Amino acid sequence: MLRTDLITIDPEITGGTPVFTGTRVPIQALFDYLGGDEPLPMFLDDFPSVSRAQAEGVLQLAAQLLIPAYLHVEPAPLDFEALLARHEAAA
């Protein structure tokens, strides 16, 4: 059995399918909703036993696993004042 504050995997609960901790809602249901163009609020409405914090935590965990920190590149900051000044000078 594996149990965290987000995910539980237990053969006694839905045959070991990963579920949101404290529920019987499979984690896969969240990805099915989002993959089917359903918004997160609809998922939360349909599965009230899952908290927003749990759903967001699972999405953050998935992102961390799929995109390790060493591959993450922060976007370059934009200096909008300089861009505007350059645009006005060219006009």
PDB file of N, CA and C in Angstrom:
ATOM      1  N   MET A   1       0.840  -1.183   0.000  1.00  0.00           N
ATOM      2  CA  MET A   1       0.000   0.000   0.000  1.00  0.00           C
ATOM      3  C   MET A   1       0.883   1.243   0.000  1.00  0.00           C
ATOM      4  N   LEU A   2       0.493   2.221  -0.791  1.00  0.00           N
ATOM      5  CA  LEU A   2       1.150   3.530  -0.824  1.00  0.00           C
ATOM      6  C   LEU A   2       0.091   4.561  -0.487  1.00  0.00           C
ATOM      7  N   ARG A   3       0.407   5.443   0.454  1.00  0.00           N
ATOM      8  CA  ARG A   3      -0.550   6.482   0.818  1.00  0.00           C
ATOM      9  C   ARG A   3       0.214   7.780   1.059  1.00  0.00           C
ATOM     10  N   THR A   4      -0.191   8.820   0.356  1.00  0.00           N
ATOM     11  CA  THR A   4       0.344  10.153   0.582  1.00  0.00           C
ATOM     12  C   THR A   4      -0.847  11.065   0.865  1.00  0.00           C
ATOM     13  N   ASP A   5      -0.590  12.342   1.042  1.00  0.00           N
ATOM     14  CA  ASP A   5      -1.704  13.264   1.257  1.00  0.00           C
ATOM     15  C   ASP A   5      -2.510  13.468  -0.018  1.00  0.00           C
ATOM     16  N   LEU A   6      -1.972  13.050  -1.170  1.00  0.00           N
ATOM     17  CA  LEU A   6      -2.660  13.231  -2.453  1.00  0.00           C
ATOM     18  C   LEU A   6      -3.202  11.925  -3.030  1.00  0.00           C
ATOM     19  N   ILE A   7      -2.396  10.882  -2.988  1.00  0.00           N
ATOM     20  CA  ILE A   7      -2.710   9.644  -3.715  1.00  0.00           C
ATOM     21  C   ILE A   7      -2.607   8.440  -2.791  1.00  0.00           C
ATOM     22  N   THR A   8      -3.563   7.532  -2.962  1.00  0.00           N
ATOM     23  CA  THR A   8      -3.523   6.248  -2.253  1.00  0.00           C
ATOM     24  C   THR A   8      -3.589   5.132  -3.286  1.00  0.00           C
ATOM     25  N   ILE A   9      -2.708   4.159  -3.129  1.00  0.00           N
ATOM     26  CA  ILE A   9      -2.731   2.942  -3.943  1.00  0.00           C
ATOM     27  C   ILE A   9      -2.807   1.785  -2.952  1.00  0.00           C
ATOM     28  N   ASP A  10      -3.962   1.144  -2.929  1.00  0.00           N
ATOM     29  CA  ASP A  10      -4.225   0.086  -1.962  1.00  0.00           C
ATOM     30  C   ASP A  10      -5.064  -0.986  -2.645  1.00  0.00           C
ATOM     31  N   PRO A  11      -4.615  -2.246  -2.629  1.00  0.00           N
ATOM     32  CA  PRO A  11      -5.388  -3.310  -3.268  1.00  0.00           C
ATOM     33  C   PRO A  11      -6.803  -3.454  -2.689  1.00  0.00           C
ATOM     34  N   GLU A  12      -7.027  -2.954  -1.486  1.00  0.00           N
ATOM     35  CA  GLU A  12      -8.346  -3.036  -0.853  1.00  0.00           C
ATOM     36  C   GLU A  12      -9.277  -1.908  -1.321  1.00  0.00           C
ATOM     37  N   ILE A  13      -8.729  -0.915  -2.011  1.00  0.00           N
ATOM     38  CA  ILE A  13      -9.531   0.213  -2.497  1.00  0.00           C
ATOM     39  C   ILE A  13      -9.452   0.204  -4.019  1.00  0.00           C
ATOM     40  N   THR A  14     -10.548  -0.033  -4.669  1.00  0.00           N
ATOM     41  CA  THR A  14     -10.669  -0.100  -6.134  1.00  0.00           C
ATOM     42  C   THR A  14      -9.604  -0.986  -6.778  1.00  0.00           C
ATOM     43  N   GLY A  15      -9.245  -2.052  -6.099  1.00  0.00           N
ATOM     44  CA  GLY A  15      -8.316  -3.021  -6.666  1.00  0.00           C
ATOM     45  C   GLY A  15      -6.902  -2.505  -6.868  1.00  0.00           C
ATOM     46  N   GLY A  16      -6.541  -1.433  -6.190  1.00  0.00           N
ATOM     47  CA  GLY A  16      -5.183  -0.890  -6.309  1.00  0.00           C
ATOM     48  C   GLY A  16      -5.052   0.239  -7.306  1.00  0.00           C
ATOM     49  N   THR A  17      -6.159   0.635  -7.933  1.00  0.00           N
ATOM     50  CA  THR A  17      -6.126   1.785  -8.838  1.00  0.00           C
ATOM     51  C   THR A  17      -5.771   3.024  -8.017  1.00  0.00           C
ATOM     52  N   PRO A  18      -4.829   3.852  -8.460  1.00  0.00           N
ATOM     53  CA  PRO A  18      -4.505   5.076  -7.718  1.00  0.00           C
ATOM     54  C   PRO A  18      -5.738   5.981  -7.597  1.00  0.00           C
ATOM     55  N   VAL A  19      -6.048   6.371  -6.358  1.00  0.00           N
ATOM     56  CA  VAL A  19      -7.196   7.227  -6.086  1.00  0.00           C
ATOM     57  C   VAL A  19      -6.740   8.440  -5.279  1.00  0.00           C
ATOM     58  N   PHE A  20      -7.580   9.461  -5.266  1.00  0.00           N
ATOM     59  CA  PHE A  20      -7.329  10.596  -4.386  1.00  0.00           C
ATOM     60  C   PHE A  20      -7.482  10.110  -2.953  1.00  0.00           C
ATOM     61  N   THR A  21      -6.542  10.431  -2.099  1.00  0.00           N
ATOM     62  CA  THR A  21      -6.562   9.979  -0.711  1.00  0.00           C
ATOM     63  C   THR A  21      -7.860  10.406  -0.031  1.00  0.00           C
ATOM     64  N   GLY A  22      -8.449   9.458   0.673  1.00  0.00           N
ATOM     65  CA  GLY A  22      -9.688   9.703   1.389  1.00  0.00           C
ATOM     66  C   GLY A  22     -10.925   9.560   0.531  1.00  0.00           C
ATOM     67  N   THR A  23     -10.744   9.135  -0.727  1.00  0.00           N
ATOM     68  CA  THR A  23     -11.871   8.961  -1.647  1.00  0.00           C
ATOM     69  C   THR A  23     -11.720   7.631  -2.371  1.00  0.00           C
ATOM     70  N   ARG A  24     -12.670   7.350  -3.236  1.00  0.00           N
ATOM     71  CA  ARG A  24     -12.572   6.219  -4.148  1.00  0.00           C
ATOM     72  C   ARG A  24     -12.522   6.736  -5.585  1.00  0.00           C
ATOM     73  N   VAL A  25     -12.159   8.001  -5.747  1.00  0.00           N
ATOM     74  CA  VAL A  25     -12.118   8.638  -7.063  1.00  0.00           C
ATOM     75  C   VAL A  25     -10.753   8.372  -7.700  1.00  0.00           C
ATOM     76  N   PRO A  26     -10.733   7.677  -8.830  1.00  0.00           N
ATOM     77  CA  PRO A  26      -9.456   7.405  -9.493  1.00  0.00           C
ATOM     78  C   PRO A  26      -8.782   8.700  -9.977  1.00  0.00           C
ATOM     79  N   ILE A  27      -7.481   8.746  -9.846  1.00  0.00           N
ATOM     80  CA  ILE A  27      -6.697   9.880 -10.352  1.00  0.00           C
ATOM     81  C   ILE A  27      -6.946  10.032 -11.851  1.00  0.00           C
ATOM     82  N   GLN A  28      -7.085   8.914 -12.547  1.00  0.00           N
ATOM     83  CA  GLN A  28      -7.304   8.940 -13.995  1.00  0.00           C
ATOM     84  C   GLN A  28      -8.525   9.776 -14.369  1.00  0.00           C
ATOM     85  N   ALA A  29      -9.529   9.821 -13.490  1.00  0.00           N
ATOM     86  CA  ALA A  29     -10.743  10.595 -13.791  1.00  0.00           C
ATOM     87  C   ALA A  29     -10.407  12.068 -14.011  1.00  0.00           C
ATOM     88  N   LEU A  30      -9.476  12.602 -13.233  1.00  0.00           N
ATOM     89  CA  LEU A  30      -9.079  14.002 -13.407  1.00  0.00           C
ATOM     90  C   LEU A  30      -8.483  14.220 -14.791  1.00  0.00           C
ATOM     91  N   PHE A  31      -7.587  13.341 -15.195  1.00  0.00           N
ATOM     92  CA  PHE A  31      -6.949  13.490 -16.505  1.00  0.00           C
ATOM     93  C   PHE A  31      -7.941  13.247 -17.639  1.00  0.00           C
ATOM     94  N   ASP A  32      -8.900  12.351 -17.419  1.00  0.00           N
ATOM     95  CA  ASP A  32      -9.941  12.132 -18.425  1.00  0.00           C
ATOM     96  C   ASP A  32     -10.783  13.385 -18.613  1.00  0.00           C
ATOM     97  N   TYR A  33     -11.149  14.037 -17.524  1.00  0.00           N
ATOM     98  CA  TYR A  33     -11.930  15.273 -17.620  1.00  0.00           C
ATOM     99  C   TYR A  33     -11.149  16.351 -18.358  1.00  0.00           C
ATOM    100  N   LEU A  34      -9.934  16.591 -17.923  1.00  0.00           N
ATOM    101  CA  LEU A  34      -9.134  17.656 -18.537  1.00  0.00           C
ATOM    102  C   LEU A  34      -8.803  17.333 -19.987  1.00  0.00           C
ATOM    103  N   GLY A  35      -8.530  16.071 -20.280  1.00  0.00           N
ATOM    104  CA  GLY A  35      -8.246  15.655 -21.650  1.00  0.00           C
ATOM    105  C   GLY A  35      -9.466  15.725 -22.547  1.00  0.00           C
ATOM    106  N   GLY A  36     -10.646  15.691 -21.947  1.00  0.00           N
ATOM    107  CA  GLY A  36     -11.889  15.802 -22.699  1.00  0.00           C
ATOM    108  C   GLY A  36     -12.404  17.232 -22.749  1.00  0.00           C
ATOM    109  N   ASP A  37     -11.522  18.192 -22.477  1.00  0.00           N
ATOM    110  CA  ASP A  37     -11.844  19.622 -22.512  1.00  0.00           C
ATOM    111  C   ASP A  37     -12.836  20.057 -21.437  1.00  0.00           C
ATOM    112  N   GLU A  38     -12.957  19.300 -20.376  1.00  0.00           N
ATOM    113  CA  GLU A  38     -13.803  19.718 -19.258  1.00  0.00           C
ATOM    114  C   GLU A  38     -12.941  20.528 -18.293  1.00  0.00           C
ATOM    115  N   PRO A  39     -13.469  21.623 -17.758  1.00  0.00           N
ATOM    116  CA  PRO A  39     -12.682  22.445 -16.840  1.00  0.00           C
ATOM    117  C   PRO A  39     -12.572  21.808 -15.453  1.00  0.00           C
ATOM    118  N   LEU A  40     -11.557  22.199 -14.723  1.00  0.00           N
ATOM    119  CA  LEU A  40     -11.343  21.676 -13.376  1.00  0.00           C
ATOM    120  C   LEU A  40     -12.571  21.882 -12.485  1.00  0.00           C
ATOM    121  N   PRO A  41     -13.243  23.056 -12.522  1.00  0.00           N
ATOM    122  CA  PRO A  41     -14.430  23.212 -11.677  1.00  0.00           C
ATOM    123  C   PRO A  41     -15.516  22.165 -11.947  1.00  0.00           C
ATOM    124  N   MET A  42     -15.645  21.725 -13.180  1.00  0.00           N
ATOM    125  CA  MET A  42     -16.646  20.697 -13.478  1.00  0.00           C
ATOM    126  C   MET A  42     -16.248  19.371 -12.825  1.00  0.00           C
ATOM    127  N   PHE A  43     -14.968  19.038 -12.904  1.00  0.00           N
ATOM    128  CA  PHE A  43     -14.488  17.826 -12.236  1.00  0.00           C
ATOM    129  C   PHE A  43     -14.792  17.904 -10.743  1.00  0.00           C
ATOM    130  N   LEU A  44     -14.481  19.040 -10.132  1.00  0.00           N
ATOM    131  CA  LEU A  44     -14.698  19.198  -8.696  1.00  0.00           C
ATOM    132  C   LEU A  44     -16.187  19.141  -8.340  1.00  0.00           C
ATOM    133  N   ASP A  45     -17.037  19.673  -9.213  1.00  0.00           N
ATOM    134  CA  ASP A  45     -18.485  19.585  -8.980  1.00  0.00           C
ATOM    135  C   ASP A  45     -18.970  18.140  -9.063  1.00  0.00           C
ATOM    136  N   ASP A  46     -18.436  17.393 -10.016  1.00  0.00           N
ATOM    137  CA  ASP A  46     -18.868  16.009 -10.211  1.00  0.00           C
ATOM    138  C   ASP A  46     -18.282  15.052  -9.171  1.00  0.00           C
ATOM    139  N   PHE A  47     -17.169  15.435  -8.568  1.00  0.00           N
ATOM    140  CA  PHE A  47     -16.515  14.603  -7.550  1.00  0.00           C
ATOM    141  C   PHE A  47     -16.260  15.456  -6.304  1.00  0.00           C
ATOM    142  N   PRO A  48     -17.318  15.771  -5.541  1.00  0.00           N
ATOM    143  CA  PRO A  48     -17.172  16.676  -4.404  1.00  0.00           C
ATOM    144  C   PRO A  48     -16.289  16.144  -3.277  1.00  0.00           C
ATOM    145  N   SER A  49     -15.981  14.857  -3.280  1.00  0.00           N
ATOM    146  CA  SER A  49     -15.093  14.321  -2.241  1.00  0.00           C
ATOM    147  C   SER A  49     -13.630  14.673  -2.498  1.00  0.00           C
ATOM    148  N   VAL A  50     -13.327  15.176  -3.692  1.00  0.00           N
ATOM    149  CA  VAL A  50     -11.956  15.601  -4.030  1.00  0.00           C
ATOM    150  C   VAL A  50     -11.878  17.112  -3.826  1.00  0.00           C
ATOM    151  N   SER A  51     -10.906  17.556  -3.057  1.00  0.00           N
ATOM    152  CA  SER A  51     -10.740  18.996  -2.829  1.00  0.00           C
ATOM    153  C   SER A  51      -9.949  19.624  -3.977  1.00  0.00           C
ATOM    154  N   ARG A  52     -10.122  20.920  -4.130  1.00  0.00           N
ATOM    155  CA  ARG A  52      -9.348  21.656  -5.141  1.00  0.00           C
ATOM    156  C   ARG A  52      -7.850  21.480  -4.866  1.00  0.00           C
ATOM    157  N   ALA A  53      -7.461  21.539  -3.602  1.00  0.00           N
ATOM    158  CA  ALA A  53      -6.040  21.383  -3.250  1.00  0.00           C
ATOM    159  C   ALA A  53      -5.510  20.024  -3.687  1.00  0.00           C
ATOM    160  N   GLN A  54      -6.318  18.971  -3.523  1.00  0.00           N
ATOM    161  CA  GLN A  54      -5.880  17.638  -3.960  1.00  0.00           C
ATOM    162  C   GLN A  54      -5.706  17.606  -5.477  1.00  0.00           C
ATOM    163  N   ALA A  55      -6.695  18.107  -6.213  1.00  0.00           N
ATOM    164  CA  ALA A  55      -6.628  18.077  -7.678  1.00  0.00           C
ATOM    165  C   ALA A  55      -5.440  18.891  -8.171  1.00  0.00           C
ATOM    166  N   GLU A  56      -5.265  20.087  -7.634  1.00  0.00           N
ATOM    167  CA  GLU A  56      -4.143  20.920  -8.059  1.00  0.00           C
ATOM    168  C   GLU A  56      -2.814  20.275  -7.669  1.00  0.00           C
ATOM    169  N   GLY A  57      -2.778  19.628  -6.509  1.00  0.00           N
ATOM    170  CA  GLY A  57      -1.554  18.947  -6.078  1.00  0.00           C
ATOM    171  C   GLY A  57      -1.175  17.819  -7.015  1.00  0.00           C
ATOM    172  N   VAL A  58      -2.160  17.043  -7.463  1.00  0.00           N
ATOM    173  CA  VAL A  58      -1.892  15.946  -8.405  1.00  0.00           C
ATOM    174  C   VAL A  58      -1.392  16.513  -9.730  1.00  0.00           C
ATOM    175  N   LEU A  59      -1.984  17.604 -10.197  1.00  0.00           N
ATOM    176  CA  LEU A  59      -1.525  18.215 -11.453  1.00  0.00           C
ATOM    177  C   LEU A  59      -0.107  18.751 -11.313  1.00  0.00           C
ATOM    178  N   GLN A  60       0.198  19.352 -10.178  1.00  0.00           N
ATOM    179  CA  GLN A  60       1.564  19.844  -9.951  1.00  0.00           C
ATOM    180  C   GLN A  60       2.554  18.696  -9.881  1.00  0.00           C
ATOM    181  N   LEU A  61       2.168  17.620  -9.231  1.00  0.00           N
ATOM    182  CA  LEU A  61       3.035  16.439  -9.144  1.00  0.00           C
ATOM    183  C   LEU A  61       3.288  15.867 -10.531  1.00  0.00           C
ATOM    184  N   ALA A  62       2.237  15.762 -11.336  1.00  0.00           N
ATOM    185  CA  ALA A  62       2.391  15.248 -12.696  1.00  0.00           C
ATOM    186  C   ALA A  62       3.330  16.140 -13.502  1.00  0.00           C
ATOM    187  N   ALA A  63       3.189  17.443 -13.367  1.00  0.00           N
ATOM    188  CA  ALA A  63       4.067  18.371 -14.093  1.00  0.00           C
ATOM    189  C   ALA A  63       5.512  18.189 -13.644  1.00  0.00           C
ATOM    190  N   GLN A  64       5.734  18.041 -12.353  1.00  0.00           N
ATOM    191  CA  GLN A  64       7.096  17.851 -11.842  1.00  0.00           C
ATOM    192  C   GLN A  64       7.714  16.564 -12.366  1.00  0.00           C
ATOM    193  N   LEU A  65       6.906  15.524 -12.469  1.00  0.00           N
ATOM    194  CA  LEU A  65       7.423  14.246 -12.958  1.00  0.00           C
ATOM    195  C   LEU A  65       7.694  14.284 -14.463  1.00  0.00           C
ATOM    196  N   LEU A  66       6.856  15.021 -15.186  1.00  0.00           N
ATOM    197  CA  LEU A  66       7.011  15.090 -16.640  1.00  0.00           C
ATOM    198  C   LEU A  66       8.050  16.114 -17.080  1.00  0.00           C
ATOM    199  N   ILE A  67       8.188  17.184 -16.314  1.00  0.00           N
ATOM    200  CA  ILE A  67       9.129  18.246 -16.663  1.00  0.00           C
ATOM    201  C   ILE A  67      10.028  18.496 -15.453  1.00  0.00           C
ATOM    202  N   PRO A  68      11.124  17.743 -15.330  1.00  0.00           N
ATOM    203  CA  PRO A  68      12.018  17.923 -14.185  1.00  0.00           C
ATOM    204  C   PRO A  68      12.540  19.355 -14.119  1.00  0.00           C
ATOM    205  N   ALA A  69      12.836  19.791 -12.923  1.00  0.00           N
ATOM    206  CA  ALA A  69      13.267  21.175 -12.696  1.00  0.00           C
ATOM    207  C   ALA A  69      14.472  21.557 -13.558  1.00  0.00           C
ATOM    208  N   TYR A  70      15.380  20.622 -13.795  1.00  0.00           N
ATOM    209  CA  TYR A  70      16.564  20.968 -14.561  1.00  0.00           C
ATOM    210  C   TYR A  70      16.247  21.227 -16.042  1.00  0.00           C
ATOM    211  N   LEU A  71      15.052  20.833 -16.494  1.00  0.00           N
ATOM    212  CA  LEU A  71      14.650  21.115 -17.874  1.00  0.00           C
ATOM    213  C   LEU A  71      13.780  22.364 -17.984  1.00  0.00           C
ATOM    214  N   HIS A  72      13.322  22.876 -16.853  1.00  0.00           N
ATOM    215  CA  HIS A  72      12.426  24.036 -16.861  1.00  0.00           C
ATOM    216  C   HIS A  72      13.231  25.305 -17.141  1.00  0.00           C
ATOM    217  N   VAL A  73      12.753  26.071 -18.088  1.00  0.00           N
ATOM    218  CA  VAL A  73      13.405  27.332 -18.441  1.00  0.00           C
ATOM    219  C   VAL A  73      12.428  28.458 -18.151  1.00  0.00           C
ATOM    220  N   GLU A  74      12.848  29.391 -17.328  1.00  0.00           N
ATOM    221  CA  GLU A  74      12.017  30.553 -17.027  1.00  0.00           C
ATOM    222  C   GLU A  74      11.983  31.457 -18.247  1.00  0.00           C
ATOM    223  N   PRO A  75      10.814  31.985 -18.571  1.00  0.00           N
ATOM    224  CA  PRO A  75      10.757  32.926 -19.691  1.00  0.00           C
ATOM    225  C   PRO A  75      11.538  34.186 -19.360  1.00  0.00           C
ATOM    226  N   ALA A  76      12.129  34.762 -20.392  1.00  0.00           N
ATOM    227  CA  ALA A  76      12.890  35.994 -20.202  1.00  0.00           C
ATOM    228  C   ALA A  76      11.938  37.116 -19.818  1.00  0.00           C
ATOM    229  N   PRO A  77      12.333  37.953 -18.860  1.00  0.00           N
ATOM    230  CA  PRO A  77      11.477  39.076 -18.497  1.00  0.00           C
ATOM    231  C   PRO A  77      11.430  40.083 -19.641  1.00  0.00           C
ATOM    232  N   LEU A  78      10.275  40.661 -19.840  1.00  0.00           N
ATOM    233  CA  LEU A  78      10.115  41.659 -20.896  1.00  0.00           C
ATOM    234  C   LEU A  78      10.074  43.049 -20.282  1.00  0.00           C
ATOM    235  N   ASP A  79      10.797  43.953 -20.881  1.00  0.00           N
ATOM    236  CA  ASP A  79      10.779  45.351 -20.465  1.00  0.00           C
ATOM    237  C   ASP A  79       9.797  46.072 -21.379  1.00  0.00           C
ATOM    238  N   PHE A  80       8.542  46.137 -20.947  1.00  0.00           N
ATOM    239  CA  PHE A  80       7.494  46.713 -21.781  1.00  0.00           C
ATOM    240  C   PHE A  80       7.717  48.198 -22.041  1.00  0.00           C
ATOM    241  N   GLU A  81       8.296  48.901 -21.094  1.00  0.00           N
ATOM    242  CA  GLU A  81       8.557  50.326 -21.309  1.00  0.00           C
ATOM    243  C   GLU A  81       9.569  50.521 -22.431  1.00  0.00           C
ATOM    244  N   ALA A  82      10.608  49.704 -22.475  1.00  0.00           N
ATOM    245  CA  ALA A  82      11.613  49.814 -23.537  1.00  0.00           C
ATOM    246  C   ALA A  82      11.003  49.434 -24.882  1.00  0.00           C
ATOM    247  N   LEU A  83      10.158  48.406 -24.900  1.00  0.00           N
ATOM    248  CA  LEU A  83       9.501  48.018 -26.146  1.00  0.00           C
ATOM    249  C   LEU A  83       8.591  49.125 -26.652  1.00  0.00           C
ATOM    250  N   LEU A  84       7.848  49.749 -25.758  1.00  0.00           N
ATOM    251  CA  LEU A  84       6.959  50.836 -26.132  1.00  0.00           C
ATOM    252  C   LEU A  84       7.755  52.029 -26.642  1.00  0.00           C
ATOM    253  N   ALA A  85       8.847  52.355 -25.971  1.00  0.00           N
ATOM    254  CA  ALA A  85       9.685  53.478 -26.382  1.00  0.00           C
ATOM    255  C   ALA A  85      10.273  53.211 -27.768  1.00  0.00           C
ATOM    256  N   ARG A  86      10.711  51.983 -28.022  1.00  0.00           N
ATOM    257  CA  ARG A  86      11.280  51.629 -29.308  1.00  0.00           C
ATOM    258  C   ARG A  86      10.213  51.721 -30.396  1.00  0.00           C
ATOM    259  N   HIS A  87       8.993  51.281 -30.078  1.00  0.00           N
ATOM    260  CA  HIS A  87       7.890  51.348 -31.022  1.00  0.00           C
ATOM    261  C   HIS A  87       7.533  52.806 -31.339  1.00  0.00           C
ATOM    262  N   GLU A  88       7.485  53.644 -30.318  1.00  0.00           N
ATOM    263  CA  GLU A  88       7.161  55.056 -30.527  1.00  0.00           C
ATOM    264  C   GLU A  88       8.261  55.768 -31.310  1.00  0.00           C
ATOM    265  N   ALA A  89       9.518  55.390 -31.088  1.00  0.00           N
ATOM    266  CA  ALA A  89      10.620  56.016 -31.808  1.00  0.00           C
ATOM    267  C   ALA A  89      10.606  55.622 -33.278  1.00  0.00           C
ATOM    268  N   ALA A  90      10.153  54.409 -33.579  1.00  0.00           N
ATOM    269  CA  ALA A  90      10.106  53.946 -34.967  1.00  0.00           C
ATOM    270  C   ALA A  90       8.935  54.555 -35.721  1.00  0.00           C
ATOM    271  N   ALA A  91       7.929  55.018 -34.992  1.00  0.00           N
ATOM    272  CA  ALA A  91       6.722  55.544 -35.649  1.00  0.00           C
ATOM    273  C   ALA A  91       6.882  56.980 -36.102  1.00  0.00           C
TER     274      ALA A  91
END
